[in-house]
Amino acid sequence: MRWLIVIALVATGCTRASAPRARLAGEIASLTGVGGIVASASLTGVSGDFKKAVIGFSVLTLVGMVTYAVGELTDPSADDPALEHQRWARELTRQAARDARAGKCADVRQLEPRVRGYDAEVHDLVFMRDPEIARCLAE
């Protein structure tokens, strides 16, 4: 029952920002669980508690698999290139805004075609409407 609560918390607490960490934690837990199952099964003649260990490592593997799956399903950018392009366009726009405020207009001019190439909407509605960026592009 406790493990169901843990799985429910993991499933509801995963955000897009934490999805890569959830996938990594899920991978590590799953691989550790499988390794533990193999090690426990190989020690059957040494200890009588191997069945408890196999069950424990099986639960760890299950939790790891669910955590990985939740992380994978939470981060749609891994499957949708358009969302990834939009994210890059927004990040480059933030960089251009910082550069414009620092007076690095040559850098802003180099970023402009890249932002347009990644996402035309972000270019037209965000990049070009920033007053400092527009000032740099007008120079």
N, C-alpha and C. Protein backbone atom coordinates (compact mmCIF):
# COMPACT_ATOMS: atom_id res chain seq x y z
N MET A 1 0.82 -1.20 0.00
CA MET A 1 0.00 0.00 0.00
C MET A 1 0.87 1.26 0.00
N ARG A 2 1.95 1.23 0.74
CA ARG A 2 2.84 2.41 0.80
C ARG A 2 3.39 2.73 -0.58
N TRP A 3 3.72 1.68 -1.34
CA TRP A 3 4.29 1.90 -2.66
C TRP A 3 3.30 2.53 -3.61
N LEU A 4 2.04 2.21 -3.46
CA LEU A 4 1.02 2.85 -4.29
C LEU A 4 0.95 4.34 -4.00
N ILE A 5 1.12 4.71 -2.74
CA ILE A 5 1.12 6.13 -2.38
C ILE A 5 2.34 6.82 -2.99
N VAL A 6 3.50 6.16 -2.93
CA VAL A 6 4.71 6.74 -3.51
C VAL A 6 4.53 6.92 -5.01
N ILE A 7 3.99 5.91 -5.68
CA ILE A 7 3.78 6.00 -7.13
C ILE A 7 2.79 7.12 -7.46
N ALA A 8 1.73 7.25 -6.67
CA ALA A 8 0.76 8.32 -6.90
C ALA A 8 1.40 9.69 -6.72
N LEU A 9 2.24 9.84 -5.72
CA LEU A 9 2.93 11.12 -5.50
C LEU A 9 3.87 11.45 -6.65
N VAL A 10 4.59 10.45 -7.12
CA VAL A 10 5.50 10.67 -8.24
C VAL A 10 4.71 11.07 -9.48
N ALA A 11 3.62 10.38 -9.72
CA ALA A 11 2.83 10.64 -10.93
C ALA A 11 2.22 12.03 -10.92
N THR A 12 1.77 12.51 -9.78
CA THR A 12 1.13 13.82 -9.74
C THR A 12 2.11 14.96 -9.54
N GLY A 13 3.31 14.67 -9.07
CA GLY A 13 4.28 15.72 -8.77
C GLY A 13 5.24 16.03 -9.89
N CYS A 14 5.19 15.29 -10.98
CA CYS A 14 6.13 15.48 -12.07
C CYS A 14 5.68 16.64 -12.96
N THR A 15 6.57 17.59 -13.17
CA THR A 15 6.29 18.71 -14.06
C THR A 15 7.21 18.61 -15.28
N ARG A 16 6.97 19.46 -16.25
CA ARG A 16 7.82 19.44 -17.45
C ARG A 16 9.28 19.73 -17.10
N ALA A 17 9.48 20.61 -16.13
CA ALA A 17 10.85 20.95 -15.74
C ALA A 17 11.54 19.80 -15.02
N SER A 18 10.78 19.01 -14.27
CA SER A 18 11.39 17.91 -13.53
C SER A 18 11.37 16.58 -14.29
N ALA A 19 10.79 16.57 -15.48
CA ALA A 19 10.68 15.32 -16.24
C ALA A 19 12.03 14.69 -16.56
N PRO A 20 13.05 15.45 -16.99
CA PRO A 20 14.34 14.79 -17.25
C PRO A 20 14.93 14.13 -16.01
N ARG A 21 14.77 14.78 -14.85
CA ARG A 21 15.28 14.18 -13.61
C ARG A 21 14.46 12.95 -13.23
N ALA A 22 13.16 12.98 -13.49
CA ALA A 22 12.31 11.82 -13.20
C ALA A 22 12.72 10.65 -14.08
N ARG A 23 13.00 10.92 -15.36
CA ARG A 23 13.44 9.84 -16.25
C ARG A 23 14.75 9.24 -15.76
N LEU A 24 15.70 10.10 -15.37
CA LEU A 24 16.98 9.61 -14.89
C LEU A 24 16.81 8.79 -13.62
N ALA A 25 16.03 9.30 -12.68
CA ALA A 25 15.79 8.56 -11.43
C ALA A 25 15.11 7.23 -11.72
N GLY A 26 14.17 7.22 -12.66
CA GLY A 26 13.50 5.99 -13.03
C GLY A 26 14.46 4.98 -13.64
N GLU A 27 15.35 5.45 -14.50
CA GLU A 27 16.35 4.56 -15.09
C GLU A 27 17.23 3.94 -14.01
N ILE A 28 17.73 4.78 -13.12
CA ILE A 28 18.63 4.29 -12.07
C ILE A 28 17.92 3.30 -11.17
N ALA A 29 16.69 3.63 -10.75
CA ALA A 29 15.95 2.72 -9.88
C ALA A 29 15.66 1.40 -10.57
N SER A 30 15.26 1.45 -11.83
CA SER A 30 14.95 0.21 -12.57
C SER A 30 16.18 -0.67 -12.72
N LEU A 31 17.29 -0.06 -13.12
CA LEU A 31 18.51 -0.85 -13.30
C LEU A 31 19.03 -1.40 -11.98
N THR A 32 18.94 -0.61 -10.92
CA THR A 32 19.34 -1.08 -9.61
C THR A 32 18.45 -2.24 -9.16
N GLY A 33 17.16 -2.11 -9.40
CA GLY A 33 16.22 -3.17 -9.03
C GLY A 33 16.51 -4.46 -9.76
N VAL A 34 16.76 -4.37 -11.07
CA VAL A 34 17.06 -5.58 -11.85
C VAL A 34 18.36 -6.20 -11.37
N GLY A 35 19.37 -5.37 -11.12
CA GLY A 35 20.64 -5.88 -10.59
C GLY A 35 20.44 -6.56 -9.24
N GLY A 36 19.60 -5.97 -8.40
CA GLY A 36 19.31 -6.57 -7.10
C GLY A 36 18.58 -7.89 -7.22
N ILE A 37 17.66 -7.97 -8.18
CA ILE A 37 16.94 -9.22 -8.39
C ILE A 37 17.92 -10.32 -8.80
N VAL A 38 18.80 -10.02 -9.74
CA VAL A 38 19.78 -11.00 -10.21
C VAL A 38 20.70 -11.41 -9.06
N ALA A 39 21.20 -10.43 -8.31
CA ALA A 39 22.10 -10.75 -7.19
C ALA A 39 21.39 -11.57 -6.12
N SER A 40 20.16 -11.21 -5.80
CA SER A 40 19.40 -11.94 -4.78
C SER A 40 19.12 -13.37 -5.23
N ALA A 41 18.76 -13.52 -6.49
CA ALA A 41 18.46 -14.85 -7.00
C ALA A 41 19.71 -15.73 -7.03
N SER A 42 20.88 -15.12 -7.25
CA SER A 42 22.11 -15.91 -7.27
C SER A 42 22.57 -16.32 -5.88
N LEU A 43 22.01 -15.69 -4.85
CA LEU A 43 22.39 -16.01 -3.47
C LEU A 43 21.37 -16.92 -2.78
N THR A 44 20.59 -17.63 -3.53
CA THR A 44 19.54 -18.46 -2.93
C THR A 44 20.09 -19.50 -1.97
N GLY A 45 21.24 -20.06 -2.24
CA GLY A 45 21.81 -21.08 -1.36
C GLY A 45 22.49 -20.51 -0.14
N VAL A 46 22.81 -19.22 -0.15
CA VAL A 46 23.57 -18.60 0.94
C VAL A 46 22.64 -18.11 2.06
N SER A 47 21.50 -17.58 1.69
CA SER A 47 20.61 -16.97 2.68
C SER A 47 19.17 -17.42 2.45
N GLY A 48 18.43 -17.51 3.51
CA GLY A 48 17.02 -17.87 3.41
C GLY A 48 16.13 -16.68 3.16
N ASP A 49 16.68 -15.47 3.23
CA ASP A 49 15.87 -14.25 3.06
C ASP A 49 15.88 -13.74 1.62
N PHE A 50 16.32 -14.55 0.68
CA PHE A 50 16.44 -14.08 -0.69
C PHE A 50 15.08 -13.72 -1.29
N LYS A 51 14.02 -14.43 -0.88
CA LYS A 51 12.70 -14.13 -1.44
C LYS A 51 12.26 -12.72 -1.08
N LYS A 52 12.53 -12.29 0.15
CA LYS A 52 12.19 -10.92 0.56
C LYS A 52 12.99 -9.91 -0.26
N ALA A 53 14.25 -10.23 -0.50
CA ALA A 53 15.09 -9.32 -1.28
C ALA A 53 14.60 -9.24 -2.72
N VAL A 54 14.24 -10.37 -3.31
CA VAL A 54 13.73 -10.38 -4.68
C VAL A 54 12.46 -9.55 -4.77
N ILE A 55 11.58 -9.70 -3.81
CA ILE A 55 10.33 -8.92 -3.80
C ILE A 55 10.64 -7.44 -3.64
N GLY A 56 11.54 -7.09 -2.74
CA GLY A 56 11.90 -5.69 -2.54
C GLY A 56 12.50 -5.07 -3.79
N PHE A 57 13.42 -5.79 -4.43
CA PHE A 57 14.03 -5.27 -5.65
C PHE A 57 13.03 -5.24 -6.81
N SER A 58 12.07 -6.14 -6.82
CA SER A 58 11.03 -6.11 -7.84
C SER A 58 10.18 -4.85 -7.70
N VAL A 59 9.86 -4.50 -6.45
CA VAL A 59 9.09 -3.28 -6.21
C VAL A 59 9.90 -2.06 -6.64
N LEU A 60 11.21 -2.05 -6.33
CA LEU A 60 12.07 -0.94 -6.74
C LEU A 60 12.08 -0.83 -8.27
N THR A 61 12.16 -1.96 -8.96
CA THR A 61 12.12 -1.94 -10.42
C THR A 61 10.80 -1.37 -10.92
N LEU A 62 9.70 -1.78 -10.33
CA LEU A 62 8.39 -1.28 -10.73
C LEU A 62 8.28 0.23 -10.52
N VAL A 63 8.71 0.70 -9.35
CA VAL A 63 8.66 2.14 -9.08
C VAL A 63 9.54 2.89 -10.07
N GLY A 64 10.71 2.35 -10.39
CA GLY A 64 11.59 2.99 -11.36
C GLY A 64 10.95 3.06 -12.74
N MET A 65 10.30 1.98 -13.15
CA MET A 65 9.65 1.97 -14.46
C MET A 65 8.50 2.97 -14.52
N VAL A 66 7.71 3.05 -13.46
CA VAL A 66 6.60 4.00 -13.43
C VAL A 66 7.13 5.43 -13.42
N THR A 67 8.18 5.68 -12.64
CA THR A 67 8.77 7.02 -12.59
C THR A 67 9.30 7.43 -13.96
N TYR A 68 9.98 6.51 -14.62
CA TYR A 68 10.49 6.81 -15.96
C TYR A 68 9.33 7.10 -16.92
N ALA A 69 8.30 6.27 -16.88
CA ALA A 69 7.15 6.46 -17.78
C ALA A 69 6.46 7.79 -17.54
N VAL A 70 6.29 8.17 -16.27
CA VAL A 70 5.65 9.45 -15.96
C VAL A 70 6.51 10.60 -16.47
N GLY A 71 7.83 10.52 -16.28
CA GLY A 71 8.72 11.55 -16.80
C GLY A 71 8.67 11.64 -18.31
N GLU A 72 8.60 10.50 -18.97
CA GLU A 72 8.54 10.48 -20.43
C GLU A 72 7.24 11.08 -20.94
N LEU A 73 6.14 10.77 -20.27
CA LEU A 73 4.84 11.28 -20.70
C LEU A 73 4.62 12.75 -20.34
N THR A 74 5.36 13.24 -19.35
CA THR A 74 5.19 14.62 -18.89
C THR A 74 5.90 15.62 -19.80
N ASP A 75 6.96 15.19 -20.48
CA ASP A 75 7.76 16.09 -21.30
C ASP A 75 7.44 15.89 -22.77
N PRO A 76 6.45 16.63 -23.30
CA PRO A 76 6.07 16.41 -24.70
C PRO A 76 7.11 16.91 -25.69
N SER A 77 8.03 17.75 -25.27
CA SER A 77 8.99 18.30 -26.23
C SER A 77 9.91 17.23 -26.79
N ALA A 78 10.05 16.11 -26.07
CA ALA A 78 10.89 15.04 -26.59
C ALA A 78 10.27 14.43 -27.85
N ASP A 79 8.95 14.52 -27.99
CA ASP A 79 8.27 13.93 -29.14
C ASP A 79 7.84 14.96 -30.17
N ASP A 80 7.73 16.21 -29.81
CA ASP A 80 7.19 17.22 -30.71
C ASP A 80 8.27 18.24 -31.07
N PRO A 81 8.84 18.15 -32.26
CA PRO A 81 9.89 19.08 -32.64
C PRO A 81 9.42 20.54 -32.68
N ALA A 82 8.14 20.77 -32.97
CA ALA A 82 7.64 22.15 -33.01
C ALA A 82 7.73 22.80 -31.64
N LEU A 83 7.41 22.05 -30.60
CA LEU A 83 7.53 22.60 -29.24
C LEU A 83 8.98 22.86 -28.88
N GLU A 84 9.87 21.98 -29.31
CA GLU A 84 11.30 22.18 -29.05
C GLU A 84 11.81 23.41 -29.80
N HIS A 85 11.37 23.61 -31.02
CA HIS A 85 11.78 24.79 -31.79
C HIS A 85 11.26 26.07 -31.14
N GLN A 86 10.02 26.02 -30.65
CA GLN A 86 9.46 27.18 -29.96
C GLN A 86 10.26 27.50 -28.71
N ARG A 87 10.65 26.45 -27.97
CA ARG A 87 11.44 26.65 -26.76
C ARG A 87 12.78 27.31 -27.10
N TRP A 88 13.43 26.85 -28.18
CA TRP A 88 14.70 27.46 -28.58
C TRP A 88 14.50 28.90 -29.05
N ALA A 89 13.43 29.16 -29.76
CA ALA A 89 13.16 30.53 -30.21
C ALA A 89 12.98 31.45 -29.01
N ARG A 90 12.27 30.99 -28.00
CA ARG A 90 12.08 31.81 -26.80
C ARG A 90 13.39 32.01 -26.05
N GLU A 91 14.21 30.97 -25.95
CA GLU A 91 15.50 31.09 -25.26
C GLU A 91 16.42 32.06 -26.00
N LEU A 92 16.47 31.96 -27.32
CA LEU A 92 17.30 32.89 -28.09
C LEU A 92 16.76 34.32 -28.01
N THR A 93 15.45 34.46 -27.89
CA THR A 93 14.86 35.79 -27.72
C THR A 93 15.29 36.39 -26.39
N ARG A 94 15.28 35.57 -25.34
CA ARG A 94 15.76 36.06 -24.03
C ARG A 94 17.22 36.48 -24.11
N GLN A 95 18.03 35.68 -24.82
CA GLN A 95 19.45 36.02 -24.99
C GLN A 95 19.59 37.32 -25.77
N ALA A 96 18.80 37.49 -26.81
CA ALA A 96 18.87 38.73 -27.60
C ALA A 96 18.47 39.93 -26.76
N ALA A 97 17.48 39.78 -25.91
CA ALA A 97 17.05 40.88 -25.04
C ALA A 97 18.18 41.26 -24.08
N ARG A 98 18.87 40.24 -23.52
CA ARG A 98 20.00 40.53 -22.63
C ARG A 98 21.11 41.24 -23.40
N ASP A 99 21.40 40.74 -24.61
CA ASP A 99 22.45 41.35 -25.42
C ASP A 99 22.09 42.79 -25.81
N ALA A 100 20.82 43.01 -26.15
CA ALA A 100 20.39 44.35 -26.54
C ALA A 100 20.55 45.32 -25.37
N ARG A 101 20.20 44.90 -24.19
CA ARG A 101 20.32 45.76 -23.01
C ARG A 101 21.78 46.01 -22.63
N ALA A 102 22.66 45.09 -23.05
CA ALA A 102 24.09 45.25 -22.79
C ALA A 102 24.79 46.00 -23.93
N GLY A 103 24.03 46.38 -24.97
CA GLY A 103 24.60 47.12 -26.08
C GLY A 103 25.30 46.26 -27.11
N LYS A 104 25.09 44.97 -27.09
CA LYS A 104 25.72 44.05 -28.05
C LYS A 104 24.81 43.85 -29.26
N CYS A 105 24.62 44.90 -30.03
CA CYS A 105 23.68 44.87 -31.15
C CYS A 105 24.11 43.92 -32.26
N ALA A 106 25.41 43.74 -32.45
CA ALA A 106 25.87 42.80 -33.48
C ALA A 106 25.41 41.38 -33.14
N ASP A 107 25.45 41.03 -31.87
CA ASP A 107 24.98 39.71 -31.45
C ASP A 107 23.48 39.57 -31.66
N VAL A 108 22.74 40.64 -31.39
CA VAL A 108 21.29 40.62 -31.59
C VAL A 108 20.97 40.39 -33.06
N ARG A 109 21.69 41.05 -33.95
CA ARG A 109 21.45 40.89 -35.38
C ARG A 109 21.77 39.46 -35.84
N GLN A 110 22.74 38.81 -35.21
CA GLN A 110 23.04 37.42 -35.56
C GLN A 110 21.96 36.46 -35.04
N LEU A 111 21.34 36.79 -33.94
CA LEU A 111 20.31 35.91 -33.37
C LEU A 111 18.98 36.02 -34.12
N GLU A 112 18.73 37.16 -34.73
CA GLU A 112 17.42 37.40 -35.36
C GLU A 112 17.04 36.33 -36.40
N PRO A 113 17.90 35.98 -37.36
CA PRO A 113 17.48 34.95 -38.33
C PRO A 113 17.32 33.57 -37.69
N ARG A 114 18.07 33.30 -36.65
CA ARG A 114 17.94 32.00 -35.98
C ARG A 114 16.58 31.89 -35.30
N VAL A 115 16.16 32.98 -34.63
CA VAL A 115 14.84 32.97 -33.98
C VAL A 115 13.75 32.80 -35.03
N ARG A 116 13.86 33.54 -36.13
CA ARG A 116 12.87 33.43 -37.21
C ARG A 116 12.83 32.00 -37.77
N GLY A 117 13.98 31.39 -37.90
CA GLY A 117 14.05 30.02 -38.42
C GLY A 117 13.43 29.00 -37.47
N TYR A 118 13.60 29.21 -36.18
CA TYR A 118 13.02 28.27 -35.22
C TYR A 118 11.51 28.40 -35.12
N ASP A 119 11.02 29.65 -35.00
CA ASP A 119 9.58 29.84 -34.84
C ASP A 119 9.20 31.25 -35.28
N ALA A 120 8.48 31.35 -36.39
CA ALA A 120 8.12 32.65 -36.96
C ALA A 120 7.19 33.43 -36.04
N GLU A 121 6.30 32.74 -35.33
CA GLU A 121 5.39 33.44 -34.42
C GLU A 121 6.13 34.09 -33.27
N VAL A 122 7.05 33.35 -32.64
CA VAL A 122 7.85 33.94 -31.56
C VAL A 122 8.65 35.11 -32.11
N HIS A 123 9.19 34.96 -33.31
CA HIS A 123 9.96 36.04 -33.93
C HIS A 123 9.10 37.30 -34.08
N ASP A 124 7.91 37.14 -34.68
CA ASP A 124 7.07 38.30 -34.99
C ASP A 124 6.40 38.88 -33.75
N LEU A 125 5.94 38.02 -32.85
CA LEU A 125 5.13 38.50 -31.71
C LEU A 125 5.93 38.82 -30.46
N VAL A 126 7.12 38.26 -30.34
CA VAL A 126 7.92 38.51 -29.13
C VAL A 126 9.22 39.22 -29.47
N PHE A 127 10.02 38.61 -30.32
CA PHE A 127 11.34 39.15 -30.65
C PHE A 127 11.25 40.56 -31.21
N MET A 128 10.45 40.73 -32.26
CA MET A 128 10.38 42.02 -32.94
C MET A 128 9.65 43.10 -32.14
N ARG A 129 8.92 42.71 -31.13
CA ARG A 129 8.18 43.71 -30.33
C ARG A 129 8.94 44.19 -29.10
N ASP A 130 10.09 43.61 -28.86
CA ASP A 130 10.91 44.07 -27.73
C ASP A 130 11.57 45.38 -28.15
N PRO A 131 11.35 46.47 -27.37
CA PRO A 131 11.87 47.78 -27.80
C PRO A 131 13.39 47.83 -27.90
N GLU A 132 14.11 47.18 -27.00
CA GLU A 132 15.57 47.22 -27.04
C GLU A 132 16.11 46.43 -28.24
N ILE A 133 15.47 45.30 -28.52
CA ILE A 133 15.87 44.52 -29.68
C ILE A 133 15.60 45.32 -30.96
N ALA A 134 14.43 45.95 -31.02
CA ALA A 134 14.08 46.75 -32.21
C ALA A 134 15.07 47.88 -32.39
N ARG A 135 15.51 48.52 -31.30
CA ARG A 135 16.50 49.58 -31.39
C ARG A 135 17.81 49.06 -31.98
N CYS A 136 18.23 47.88 -31.55
CA CYS A 136 19.47 47.28 -32.07
C CYS A 136 19.34 46.96 -33.55
N LEU A 137 18.21 46.44 -33.94
CA LEU A 137 18.02 46.06 -35.34
C LEU A 137 17.93 47.29 -36.24
N ALA A 138 17.48 48.40 -35.69
CA ALA A 138 17.35 49.63 -36.49
C ALA A 138 18.70 50.30 -36.72
N GLU A 139 19.67 50.00 -35.89
CA GLU A 139 21.00 50.63 -36.02
C GLU A 139 21.74 50.17 -37.24
